[in-house]
Structure formats: C-alpha cells, structure tokens
Protein backbone atom coordinates (compact mmCIF):
# COMPACT_ATOMS: atom_id res chain seq x y z
CA MET A 1 53.22 -32.30 37.07
CA ASN A 2 50.19 -34.58 36.90
CA LEU A 3 48.53 -34.05 33.44
CA LYS A 4 45.91 -36.74 33.85
CA ASN A 5 43.44 -34.38 35.55
CA THR A 6 44.31 -31.29 33.47
CA PRO A 7 41.39 -29.81 31.39
CA PHE A 8 41.83 -30.64 27.72
CA ASN A 9 41.93 -27.04 26.58
CA LEU A 10 45.08 -26.49 28.70
CA LYS A 11 46.86 -29.65 27.62
CA PRO A 12 48.50 -28.34 24.43
CA ALA A 13 50.14 -25.41 26.25
CA LEU A 14 51.32 -27.52 29.20
CA LEU A 15 52.56 -30.32 27.00
CA LEU A 16 54.41 -27.83 24.84
CA ALA A 17 56.15 -26.39 27.92
CA ALA A 18 57.13 -29.88 29.03
CA LEU A 19 58.28 -30.98 25.64
CA LEU A 20 60.43 -27.90 25.06
CA GLY A 21 62.72 -29.27 27.76
CA ALA A 22 62.34 -32.88 26.80
CA SER A 23 64.51 -33.13 23.72
CA THR A 24 67.39 -34.68 25.76
CA THR A 25 65.34 -36.71 28.22
CA ALA A 26 65.59 -40.48 28.56
CA TYR A 27 63.42 -42.81 26.58
CA ALA A 28 61.38 -43.63 29.74
CA ALA A 29 60.36 -40.01 30.10
CA ASP A 30 59.34 -39.94 26.43
CA GLN A 31 57.22 -43.02 26.88
CA GLU A 32 55.57 -41.61 30.01
CA LEU A 33 54.54 -38.47 28.12
CA LEU A 34 53.14 -40.52 25.26
CA ASP A 35 51.22 -42.68 27.76
CA ILE A 36 49.67 -39.56 29.28
CA LEU A 37 48.70 -38.21 25.84
CA LEU A 38 47.14 -41.52 24.84
CA GLN A 39 45.23 -41.90 28.12
CA ASN A 40 43.80 -38.37 27.80
CA GLY A 41 42.79 -38.90 24.17
CA ALA A 42 45.18 -36.28 22.81
CA ILE A 43 46.64 -38.84 20.39
CA THR A 44 45.35 -42.04 18.84
CA THR A 45 46.79 -45.55 19.24
CA GLU A 46 48.21 -45.35 15.70
CA GLN A 47 49.95 -42.07 16.51
CA TYR A 48 51.24 -43.52 19.79
CA ASP A 49 52.77 -46.53 17.98
CA ALA A 50 54.43 -44.28 15.41
CA LEU A 51 55.95 -41.98 18.05
CA ILE A 52 57.12 -44.76 20.39
CA GLU A 53 59.39 -46.09 17.64
CA LYS A 54 61.46 -42.90 17.73
CA ASP A 55 64.68 -42.91 19.76
CA SER A 56 63.79 -39.60 21.35
CA LEU A 57 60.99 -37.06 21.08
CA SER A 58 60.98 -33.34 20.54
CA SER A 59 58.19 -30.76 20.60
CA GLY A 60 58.22 -30.87 16.79
CA ASP A 61 57.18 -34.52 16.92
CA VAL A 62 54.30 -34.24 19.38
CA LEU A 63 52.96 -30.67 19.13
CA PRO A 64 51.56 -30.95 15.56
CA VAL A 65 49.69 -34.07 16.56
CA VAL A 66 48.14 -32.41 19.64
CA VAL A 67 47.23 -29.20 17.80
CA LEU A 68 45.68 -31.10 14.90
CA GLU A 69 43.63 -33.21 17.27
CA LYS A 70 42.43 -30.06 19.06
CA ALA A 71 41.54 -28.35 15.76
CA ALA A 72 39.72 -31.45 14.59
CA GLU A 73 37.70 -31.61 17.80
CA GLU A 74 36.77 -27.92 17.51
CA ALA A 75 35.77 -28.36 13.85
CA VAL A 76 33.58 -31.34 14.72
CA GLY A 77 32.00 -29.28 17.51
CA GLU A 78 31.22 -26.41 15.13
CA VAL A 79 29.66 -28.76 12.59
CA ILE A 80 27.50 -30.32 15.28
CA GLU A 81 26.39 -26.89 16.53
CA GLN A 82 25.54 -25.76 12.99
CA ARG A 83 23.55 -28.91 12.31
CA VAL A 84 21.65 -28.58 15.58
CA ALA A 85 20.84 -24.92 14.83
CA THR A 86 19.75 -25.80 11.29
CA GLU A 87 17.49 -28.56 12.55
CA ILE A 88 15.92 -26.29 15.18
CA ALA A 89 15.30 -23.60 12.55
CA ARG A 90 13.80 -26.19 10.19
CA GLN A 91 11.44 -27.52 12.84
CA ILE A 92 10.36 -23.98 13.79
CA ASP A 93 9.82 -23.12 10.12
CA GLU A 94 7.85 -26.28 9.41
CA GLU A 95 6.00 -26.87 12.66
CA PHE A 96 5.40 -23.45 14.32
CA PRO A 97 1.72 -22.64 13.65
CA VAL A 98 2.26 -18.96 12.68
CA THR A 99 4.49 -17.47 9.99
CA ALA A 100 5.71 -13.88 9.62
CA SER A 101 6.64 -12.22 6.36
CA GLU A 102 6.82 -8.90 4.51
CA THR A 103 4.53 -8.29 1.53
CA SER A 104 3.31 -5.37 -0.56
CA SER A 105 0.40 -5.17 1.93
CA GLY A 106 2.80 -4.69 4.84
CA PHE A 107 3.84 -6.97 7.70
CA ARG A 108 1.95 -10.26 7.53
CA LEU A 109 1.12 -12.84 10.20
CA ALA A 110 -0.57 -16.01 8.98
CA THR A 111 -1.36 -19.50 10.20
CA ARG A 112 0.06 -22.44 8.29
CA ASP A 113 -3.35 -23.87 7.55
CA GLY A 114 -4.17 -20.67 5.60
CA ASN A 115 -7.36 -19.93 7.55
CA TRP A 116 -6.11 -16.85 9.41
CA ARG A 117 -4.10 -13.90 8.17
CA THR A 118 -3.45 -10.31 9.29
CA ASP A 119 -1.66 -7.64 7.26
CA LEU A 120 -0.51 -4.51 9.05
CA GLN A 121 0.70 -1.44 7.14
CA TRP A 122 1.47 2.16 8.04
CA ARG A 123 1.39 4.89 5.42
CA ALA A 124 2.49 8.53 5.32
CA GLN A 125 1.78 11.05 2.59
CA THR A 126 3.64 14.34 3.05
CA ARG A 127 3.03 17.24 0.68
CA PHE A 128 4.13 20.76 -0.21
CA THR A 129 1.70 22.97 -2.18
CA THR A 130 1.83 26.50 -3.54
CA PRO A 131 -0.08 28.81 -3.95
CA TYR A 132 -3.32 26.83 -3.35
CA ARG A 133 -3.78 23.95 -0.93
CA SER A 134 -6.98 22.81 -2.69
CA ASP A 135 -8.71 23.46 -6.02
CA PRO A 136 -9.87 27.11 -6.34
CA ARG A 137 -13.57 27.03 -7.28
CA GLN A 138 -14.67 30.67 -6.98
CA ILE A 139 -13.35 34.07 -8.06
CA ARG A 140 -12.62 34.86 -4.42
CA ASN A 141 -10.38 31.77 -4.19
CA PHE A 142 -8.19 33.03 -7.04
CA ASN A 143 -7.97 36.48 -5.47
CA ALA A 144 -7.29 35.27 -1.93
CA GLU A 145 -3.94 35.44 -0.17
CA GLU A 146 -1.50 32.95 -1.63
CA GLN A 147 -0.79 29.94 0.54
CA SER A 148 2.40 27.86 0.61
CA ASN A 149 1.94 24.88 2.85
CA PHE A 150 3.65 21.76 4.19
CA GLU A 151 1.11 19.13 5.13
CA ALA A 152 0.86 15.59 6.44
CA ARG A 153 -1.92 15.01 3.94
CA ARG A 154 -2.64 11.44 4.96
CA LEU A 155 -1.36 9.36 7.88
CA ARG A 156 -3.00 5.96 7.77
CA MET A 157 -2.93 2.64 9.57
CA LYS A 158 -4.27 -0.29 7.53
CA ILE A 159 -5.28 -3.64 8.99
CA GLY A 160 -6.65 -6.38 6.75
CA GLY A 161 -6.73 -10.11 6.19
CA HIS A 162 -9.11 -13.02 6.66
CA GLY A 163 -10.36 -15.31 9.42
CA PHE A 164 -11.92 -18.76 9.80
CA GLN A 165 -11.69 -19.27 6.01
CA PRO A 166 -9.67 -17.50 3.25
CA TRP A 167 -12.90 -16.30 1.64
CA LEU A 168 -14.05 -14.45 4.76
CA SER A 169 -11.95 -11.28 4.67
CA TYR A 170 -11.89 -8.01 6.60
CA TYR A 171 -10.31 -4.58 6.32
CA PHE A 172 -9.99 -1.52 8.55
CA GLU A 173 -8.33 1.80 7.79
CA VAL A 174 -7.68 4.51 10.37
CA ASP A 175 -6.86 8.09 9.43
CA LEU A 176 -4.54 9.09 12.26
CA GLN A 177 -4.12 12.86 11.91
CA PRO A 178 -5.90 14.84 9.21
CA SER A 179 -4.68 18.41 8.82
CA ARG A 180 -6.89 21.35 9.85
CA ASP A 181 -7.08 25.11 9.42
CA VAL A 182 -6.12 27.51 12.21
CA ASP A 183 -9.76 28.29 13.09
CA ASP A 184 -10.92 24.64 13.13
CA SER A 185 -11.58 22.73 16.31
CA SER A 186 -8.94 20.20 17.36
CA ALA A 187 -11.67 17.58 16.88
CA SER A 188 -11.19 18.13 13.15
CA SER A 189 -7.79 16.45 13.35
CA SER A 190 -8.66 13.57 15.66
CA ALA A 191 -8.13 9.98 14.54
CA ARG A 192 -11.07 8.45 12.70
CA VAL A 193 -12.01 5.08 11.21
CA ILE A 194 -12.66 5.77 7.54
CA ASP A 195 -12.97 2.20 6.21
CA TRP A 196 -14.33 -0.97 7.80
CA ARG A 197 -15.71 -3.86 5.83
CA ILE A 198 -16.21 -7.61 5.71
CA ASP A 199 -16.24 -9.61 2.47
CA ILE A 200 -17.91 -12.98 2.01
CA ALA A 201 -16.32 -14.11 -1.26
CA LYS A 202 -16.39 -17.90 -1.44
CA TRP A 203 -17.29 -17.84 -5.15
CA ASP A 204 -15.83 -15.58 -7.82
CA TRP A 205 -19.20 -15.20 -9.53
CA GLY A 206 -20.86 -13.70 -6.46
CA GLY A 207 -19.98 -12.35 -3.05
CA ILE A 208 -21.26 -9.92 -0.43
CA ARG A 209 -19.51 -6.92 1.07
CA LEU A 210 -20.88 -5.06 4.06
CA GLY A 211 -19.53 -2.16 6.05
CA GLN A 212 -18.21 1.29 5.12
CA TRP A 213 -15.90 1.88 2.16
CA LYS A 214 -15.39 3.92 -1.00
CA VAL A 215 -18.25 2.56 -3.06
CA ASP A 216 -17.17 1.01 -6.36
CA LEU A 217 -18.68 3.67 -8.61
CA ASN A 218 -15.70 5.07 -10.53
CA ARG A 219 -12.03 4.24 -10.85
CA GLU A 220 -10.52 7.62 -9.94
CA ARG A 221 -12.13 7.67 -6.51
CA VAL A 222 -11.78 3.98 -5.69
CA ASP A 223 -8.10 4.00 -6.67
CA SER A 224 -6.26 4.58 -3.40
CA SER A 225 -4.72 8.03 -2.91
CA GLY A 226 -1.45 6.11 -2.61
CA ARG A 227 -1.95 4.54 -6.06
CA GLN A 228 -2.58 7.76 -7.99
CA GLN A 229 -0.71 9.05 -11.02
CA PHE A 230 -0.74 12.64 -9.77
CA VAL A 231 -0.43 14.28 -6.36
CA GLU A 232 -4.21 14.43 -6.04
CA ARG A 233 -7.34 13.48 -7.94
CA SER A 234 -8.78 15.76 -10.65
CA ILE A 235 -11.11 18.72 -10.11
CA ALA A 236 -14.02 16.45 -11.13
CA ASN A 237 -13.62 14.24 -8.06
CA ARG A 238 -15.12 16.63 -5.49
CA VAL A 239 -18.28 17.15 -7.52
CA PHE A 240 -18.99 13.61 -8.68
CA THR A 241 -17.62 11.19 -6.09
CA MET A 242 -20.02 8.91 -4.23
CA ASP A 243 -17.21 8.38 -1.71
CA ARG A 244 -17.58 6.32 1.46
CA GLN A 245 -21.00 4.98 2.40
CA ILE A 246 -22.41 2.46 4.89
CA GLY A 247 -24.30 -0.43 3.40
CA VAL A 248 -24.21 -3.79 1.64
CA GLN A 249 -23.19 -4.77 -1.87
CA LEU A 250 -23.41 -7.80 -4.17
CA ARG A 251 -20.33 -8.15 -6.37
CA GLY A 252 -18.82 -10.75 -8.66
CA HIS A 253 -16.49 -11.66 -11.53
CA LEU A 254 -18.04 -13.48 -14.50
CA PHE A 255 -16.73 -15.23 -17.65
CA GLN A 256 -13.12 -14.91 -16.56
CA ASP A 257 -10.35 -15.05 -19.18
CA THR A 258 -12.84 -14.84 -22.06
CA PRO A 259 -13.85 -11.95 -24.35
CA ALA A 260 -16.92 -11.52 -22.12
CA ASP A 261 -14.87 -11.15 -18.91
CA MET A 262 -16.75 -8.73 -16.64
CA ARG A 263 -17.31 -7.53 -13.09
CA TYR A 264 -20.57 -6.32 -11.59
CA TYR A 265 -21.50 -4.37 -8.45
CA ALA A 266 -24.95 -3.63 -6.99
CA GLY A 267 -25.45 -2.06 -3.59
CA VAL A 268 -27.79 -0.35 -1.13
CA PHE A 269 -26.46 2.28 1.27
CA ASN A 270 -27.59 4.84 3.84
CA GLY A 271 -26.62 7.66 1.50
CA GLU A 272 -25.51 9.95 4.34
CA GLY A 273 -21.80 9.43 3.91
CA ARG A 274 -19.10 8.25 6.30
CA SER A 275 -20.19 7.22 9.79
CA VAL A 276 -23.66 8.82 9.54
CA ASN A 277 -26.95 7.06 10.28
CA ASN A 278 -29.81 7.38 7.84
CA ASP A 279 -32.51 9.80 9.04
CA ASP A 280 -35.40 8.49 6.91
CA ASN A 281 -36.50 5.56 4.75
CA ASP A 282 -34.76 6.82 1.61
CA MET A 283 -31.70 4.80 0.64
CA MET A 284 -28.92 5.16 -1.92
CA TYR A 285 -28.90 2.60 -4.75
CA MET A 286 -25.92 2.02 -7.06
CA GLY A 287 -24.77 -0.30 -9.81
CA ARG A 288 -21.65 -0.78 -11.92
CA LEU A 289 -20.93 -3.07 -14.87
CA GLN A 290 -17.31 -3.39 -15.99
CA TRP A 291 -16.29 -5.19 -19.20
CA ASN A 292 -12.66 -6.35 -19.36
CA PHE A 293 -12.71 -6.30 -23.15
CA LEU A 294 -9.34 -8.01 -23.63
CA GLY A 295 -10.22 -10.92 -21.33
CA ARG A 296 -7.95 -9.79 -18.51
CA ASP A 297 -8.94 -8.06 -15.29
CA LEU A 298 -7.55 -4.56 -14.65
CA SER A 299 -6.50 -3.72 -11.10
CA TRP A 300 -7.76 -0.61 -9.28
CA ARG A 301 -4.54 1.40 -9.40
CA GLN A 302 -3.09 4.02 -11.71
CA THR A 303 0.15 4.02 -13.75
CA ASP A 304 1.73 0.87 -15.17
CA VAL A 305 4.67 0.62 -12.80
CA GLU A 306 4.09 -3.17 -12.81
CA TYR A 307 4.84 -3.19 -16.57
CA THR A 308 1.82 -5.10 -17.86
CA GLU A 309 3.13 -7.57 -20.44
CA ARG A 310 -0.19 -8.09 -22.24
CA PRO A 311 -2.65 -5.34 -23.23
CA THR A 312 -5.30 -5.00 -20.52
CA GLY A 313 -8.31 -2.71 -20.54
CA SER A 314 -11.80 -2.12 -19.24
CA LEU A 315 -14.98 -0.24 -20.11
CA ALA A 316 -17.52 0.52 -17.40
CA LEU A 317 -20.92 2.12 -16.90
CA ALA A 318 -22.14 2.99 -13.41
CA GLY A 319 -24.67 5.12 -11.64
CA PHE A 320 -26.56 5.82 -8.43
CA THR A 321 -29.73 7.47 -7.19
CA THR A 322 -30.61 8.83 -3.75
CA THR A 323 -32.79 11.30 -1.88
CA GLY A 324 -31.51 13.18 1.15
CA ARG A 325 -29.83 16.28 2.53
CA CYS A 326 -26.47 15.84 0.76
CA THR A 327 -25.37 17.16 -2.63
CA ARG A 328 -21.82 15.83 -2.34
CA TRP A 329 -19.74 13.42 -0.23
CA SER A 330 -16.13 13.17 0.93
CA SER A 331 -13.97 11.45 3.54
CA SER A 332 -15.51 13.87 6.03
CA GLY A 333 -19.00 12.62 5.19
CA CYS A 334 -22.11 14.36 3.89
CA GLY A 335 -21.59 17.86 2.43
CA ASN A 336 -22.88 20.39 -0.06
CA LEU A 337 -21.84 21.68 -3.46
CA ASP A 338 -21.37 25.41 -3.95
CA GLY A 339 -24.72 27.19 -4.17
CA PHE A 340 -26.72 24.44 -2.41
CA ASP A 341 -27.88 24.32 1.21
CA ARG A 342 -25.64 22.74 3.79
CA PRO A 343 -26.91 19.41 5.13
CA ALA A 344 -27.60 20.96 8.56
CA ASN A 345 -29.81 23.60 6.92
CA ALA A 346 -31.50 21.31 4.38
CA THR A 347 -34.88 19.74 5.00
CA LEU A 348 -35.49 16.02 5.13
CA GLY A 349 -35.28 14.58 1.60
CA GLN A 350 -34.66 17.99 0.04
CA PHE A 351 -32.45 16.77 -2.82
CA ASP A 352 -33.08 14.05 -5.39
CA ILE A 353 -29.79 13.07 -7.03
CA ASP A 354 -29.25 10.88 -10.08
CA GLN A 355 -25.79 10.34 -11.55
CA VAL A 356 -24.21 8.22 -14.30
CA VAL A 357 -20.57 7.72 -15.29
CA GLN A 358 -18.83 6.21 -18.29
CA GLU A 359 -15.27 4.99 -17.73
CA PHE A 360 -12.33 3.62 -19.74
CA ALA A 361 -8.93 2.35 -18.59
CA TYR A 362 -5.97 0.67 -20.32
CA LYS A 363 -2.44 -0.52 -19.52
CA TYR A 364 0.35 -2.03 -21.60
CA ARG A 365 4.14 -2.17 -21.20
CA GLY A 366 4.58 0.96 -19.11
CA PHE A 367 1.79 2.95 -20.77
CA SER A 368 -1.43 3.71 -18.92
CA ALA A 369 -4.51 5.75 -19.77
CA GLN A 370 -7.90 6.29 -18.20
CA GLN A 371 -10.93 8.49 -18.70
CA GLU A 372 -14.27 9.26 -17.06
CA PHE A 373 -17.32 11.27 -18.07
CA HIS A 374 -19.94 12.16 -15.43
CA ARG A 375 -23.43 13.58 -15.61
CA LYS A 376 -25.25 14.49 -12.39
CA THR A 377 -28.78 15.81 -11.91
CA ILE A 378 -29.80 17.54 -8.70
CA LYS A 379 -33.47 18.30 -8.10
CA ASP A 380 -34.06 20.71 -5.23
CA ASN A 381 -37.47 19.81 -3.81
CA SER A 382 -37.58 23.04 -1.81
CA ASP A 383 -38.16 25.11 -4.94
CA GLY A 384 -38.65 22.49 -7.67
CA SER A 385 -35.52 23.53 -9.57
CA SER A 386 -33.39 21.01 -11.46
CA HIS A 387 -29.67 21.37 -12.20
CA GLU A 388 -27.37 19.50 -14.58
CA LEU A 389 -23.67 19.06 -13.80
CA THR A 390 -21.19 17.50 -16.20
CA GLY A 391 -17.50 16.80 -15.85
CA GLY A 392 -14.70 14.34 -16.25
CA TYR A 393 -11.05 13.87 -17.07
CA VAL A 394 -8.64 12.05 -19.33
CA GLN A 395 -5.08 11.20 -18.34
CA ALA A 396 -2.13 9.15 -19.56
CA GLY A 397 1.36 8.26 -18.39
CA TYR A 398 4.40 6.46 -19.76
CA PHE A 399 7.82 5.18 -18.69
CA PHE A 400 9.94 6.58 -21.50
CA SER A 401 12.87 4.34 -20.56
CA ASN A 402 11.11 1.79 -22.79
CA LEU A 403 11.92 4.03 -25.79
CA ILE A 404 14.97 6.02 -24.72
CA PRO A 405 17.90 3.87 -23.45
CA ASN A 406 19.39 6.51 -21.11
CA PHE A 407 16.06 7.67 -19.70
CA PRO A 408 15.77 6.82 -15.95
CA ALA A 409 13.80 3.61 -15.51
CA PRO A 410 12.01 4.66 -12.26
CA LEU A 411 10.67 7.89 -13.84
CA GLU A 412 7.15 8.17 -15.26
CA LEU A 413 5.79 11.26 -17.01
CA ALA A 414 2.06 11.95 -17.17
CA VAL A 415 -0.52 14.47 -18.37
CA ARG A 416 -4.16 15.13 -17.42
CA TYR A 417 -7.02 17.29 -18.62
CA ALA A 418 -10.19 17.72 -16.51
CA PHE A 419 -13.31 19.85 -16.64
CA VAL A 420 -16.41 20.65 -14.55
CA ASP A 421 -19.53 22.53 -15.69
CA GLU A 422 -21.67 23.32 -12.65
CA PRO A 423 -24.25 25.80 -11.33
CA ASN A 424 -22.91 29.19 -10.31
CA ALA A 425 -22.71 29.61 -6.53
CA SER A 426 -24.35 33.06 -6.67
CA SER A 427 -27.09 32.20 -9.16
CA ARG A 428 -27.82 28.56 -9.94
CA ILE A 429 -29.53 29.64 -13.15
CA LEU A 430 -26.09 30.44 -14.53
CA GLU A 431 -23.23 27.99 -15.06
CA ASN A 432 -19.54 28.10 -14.18
CA GLU A 433 -16.89 26.35 -16.22
CA ARG A 434 -13.72 25.09 -14.55
CA ARG A 435 -10.75 23.55 -16.33
CA GLU A 436 -7.55 21.80 -15.22
CA PHE A 437 -4.45 20.99 -17.25
CA THR A 438 -1.77 19.12 -15.28
CA VAL A 439 1.61 17.61 -16.09
CA GLY A 440 3.26 15.31 -13.58
CA ALA A 441 6.25 13.11 -12.86
CA ASN A 442 6.62 10.08 -10.59
CA TRP A 443 9.87 8.59 -9.31
CA PHE A 444 9.24 5.07 -8.01
CA PHE A 445 11.72 3.78 -5.43
CA ASN A 446 9.63 0.70 -4.63
CA GLY A 447 6.50 0.83 -6.76
CA HIS A 448 3.60 2.73 -5.22
CA ASN A 449 4.86 1.86 -1.74
CA ASN A 450 7.66 4.42 -1.96
CA LYS A 451 7.45 7.18 -4.54
CA VAL A 452 7.92 10.92 -5.03
CA THR A 453 5.39 12.79 -7.18
CA MET A 454 5.50 16.32 -8.54
CA ASP A 455 2.83 17.96 -10.65
CA PHE A 456 2.19 21.40 -12.13
CA SER A 457 -1.34 22.58 -12.96
CA ARG A 458 -2.95 25.38 -14.91
CA LEU A 459 -6.36 26.04 -13.32
CA THR A 460 -9.01 28.25 -14.94
CA LEU A 461 -12.50 29.48 -14.05
CA ASP A 462 -15.12 31.11 -16.25
CA ASP A 463 -17.61 32.66 -13.81
CA ALA A 464 -20.96 33.40 -15.53
CA PHE A 465 -22.36 35.54 -12.71
CA PHE A 466 -19.44 37.98 -12.56
CA ALA A 467 -18.72 37.57 -16.30
CA GLN A 468 -15.09 37.14 -15.35
CA ASP A 469 -12.33 34.68 -16.15
CA GLU A 470 -9.56 33.76 -13.72
CA SER A 471 -6.58 31.43 -14.07
CA ASP A 472 -3.47 30.58 -12.13
CA ASN A 473 -0.74 27.97 -11.75
CA ARG A 474 -0.19 25.51 -8.92
CA LEU A 475 2.84 23.41 -7.95
CA ARG A 476 2.73 20.37 -5.69
CA LEU A 477 5.43 17.99 -4.43
CA GLN A 478 4.65 14.83 -2.49
CA TRP A 479 6.37 11.83 -0.94
CA ASP A 480 4.15 8.79 -0.36
CA VAL A 481 5.60 5.85 1.54
CA SER A 482 4.10 2.70 3.06
CA PHE A 483 5.78 0.37 5.55
C-alpha cells in the first residue's frame, strides 16, 4: 500500500492496520514505515530517531505518537479558529457603525458616534374589571346592569430617540387598538397616533418642545399609564386633566443639585385636544413651576420600585387658561363634563376655563407618596353662569419587605383617597360629591416593564338633585408588560 498520497485523516487508521501485523517484520520494513511517517509529517525527526533505535516496532510504539500528533494538530486548529472568530467579533463590535442593545426603553439601535438613536418598544395592558368598567358618575350608573369585562385597555407602539445631535430628540406613540362598546363604530377602535413631539434640548436651562403630547400640568396625568401605582388614575383625572394638546412649550431645569433646584414649563396650545385644529384665535396658555426641595430631581413615575437611596421630593404649582368649546379633554380629544354642552353643540368660544393645581410628591427607600389639589372655574358665556369644581387625591405605597424579612420583595401595597365636587348634571346650580377609596397591590416582575396590579375601590356619590346617596365596590386586575 502506498501511504505517501493518503489523506492525513486516514493515516492513523491505515498505519494502525499495518502495524498490527508488523510486530514480527524485519528491521527494513520497520524503517520503511518510519520513513513514510516522517515524510508525511506524522512524526518529528526526534521521534524518528528514537524509534529507529529499537530492534523492532509494534503498534504500541508508533500509534501513540501518531494519535498525539493528530490531537495536537486538531487542538491547534481549534485555537486558530477561536482566535479568528474572536478577532472578527471584536472588529465588528468596534468598527461596525451601528450597535444594537436592549434597554428599559425597548430595543435600541444607535450609531457609534452617538448622533443617531432609535428605541422601539411594544406595550400591552390587559385588564379585568367588575362590576364597572369606568368610574360611575351618576345615579343611573350605579343602578345600571353590572358589567364584568376583559379588555385590552392599551396596546401601544412607542418609537423614540434622537437624530443629527443627541439634543435633538423625537418621540411617537401609536395606540393600536382601543376597545369600544357594542354600538360604537369600528372607527372607534382604529389605530391612532396619540403622541408626536420633537425636543430641542441643547441646554438644561432651556429647551423647546413642539408637537402633541400630554401637557406637563400635573403628575398624575403625565405619569404614563404603565408607570401608575394603581390600575387606573383617580376619579379626579377625568375632570381636571389638560391631557394631550398640540402646541409649543419652553421648558428647563435650573439650579441643579442645589436647594433651589427647579423645573419650569410654559406653553401655548390650540386648546382643542388631540389631533384637532383650532377654530378661532383663542389659544390655551399653561405654566408649571416645580421645586425639587431636596436638591434632587424626581422622575415622572409612581411607586419607588427603583428604591431611591436618598430622600427626593418636589412641590409644584401649575395652571392654564383657555376659551373654546371644550370643558374637558382626554385621549379621544375635546369633550364635555356632565351637565355642559357637547363640543359639537357648543358655540364658538362658549366656555372660559381657568384652572390651578397644587402638587406634592416624595420617594425614599421603597416609600412613595403624592398628592394633588385642583380648582377649576368654568364660565358659560351662553348664559353668563360660572361654576367652581374642586377635587384631588392623595396616595402612598410601600415595599414592606424593607421592614418584614419574609415579606415578598416584589410586592408593593398602596392606598389612595380621591374626591370631586362638581356641578350636578341635572341642575348646575346644585353640586354632586364623589369619593373614592382604593387599596392596591403591585407585583413587579421587572419593574414597571412587567407587573401585575390589583386594586379594590369603594366608590360613593352624593347626588344633590335627587337627594340620594349611592355607593358600590369595584375590583380590577391588570397585567402591564412592555417589550
């Protein structure tokens, strides 16, 4: 057999077969085999010299040498492959112009020079509610048929980042499938852009935001629905929120990390709500001044799941004024409070609205608390009447694992009290009083990005027109998850 032209990976097997019958061969045959092994690189010159000194060869003499040489070659090959792969990965990591990563804002693509970045996040908020899907505001709501309901409360796609420079940022949010009632048009559940904005924020002391967003009036509304302490905002939110508006705002952060640390906001908006053009020259004007009284800025999110190591708090005063057809606003746009004309039926500039809010918030080592007090004046120019509305809430939550060793660390317990005093829907001369008392629990799997919330509310109404009180309980369970 001619072994000189045999592939190396077959040599050990063929040599072994030959050597098994070579233990009694002549010395010339032994030398010929060793010559072949040396010529093919299976053994080294040193190994050849050591083996040639033997009187005769057996497979036990040659096979270990061949196998070890093969194993050594394979090991060297693996090392080379690993080093090549490592070097390729290093060059891609260091020289490829775009990086990909996962952050709390979702999937991130960014350029290495830091001038371009896009965050993409999908969010789902699924909810079960009984016996009321929303806050009962009238006697008829308490007496209506009970409703137990599963709901995809919010399905959102969020796209944000910056371009050209890190201080030129953008954000879009699409509501993919709002729920609707059985008698609503399918258009009520079509996808809609609810937020779009551009921020020019080169300097901390002053920047400009333009677009459509939840105007920075009060913490409860601006806090994302995915960053809430309870399943939903308090009963005061519907009455007093400024919600989403189209316009421009000047905003900044002054005297950072000092006792005078503060933020300010001043803006001009259409005043017609989400995605609605202004129909006259009247605009909406707002302002907010926030004092971070402990010298540390407080983020716009509820609960202290981040476990704030140093006490952090804020006090704020804010307000707005506008003239138009709306008496309230929501994610659906311009609307009306109970007892006031609908926007479609109102005359141009029918309502003058002035509102102020006082706000407090605090976080420290798993404890969080916040409070708001609102006063809203509505002047109806159609009849000259003026109406005062007041309301607000106070809430607090705590991770009791900080005090009780065996208490589950991901579990937060919370409590909230809210009230609204507003004109009666049947006679605006009279006033209704609504109250909410809610206890809640949050289980955080991954902060606010993956949590289960359950709350139980006692809701009451004192109706002045019917001289009747109503009250009932409500249970809600929700899973909120962002990817």
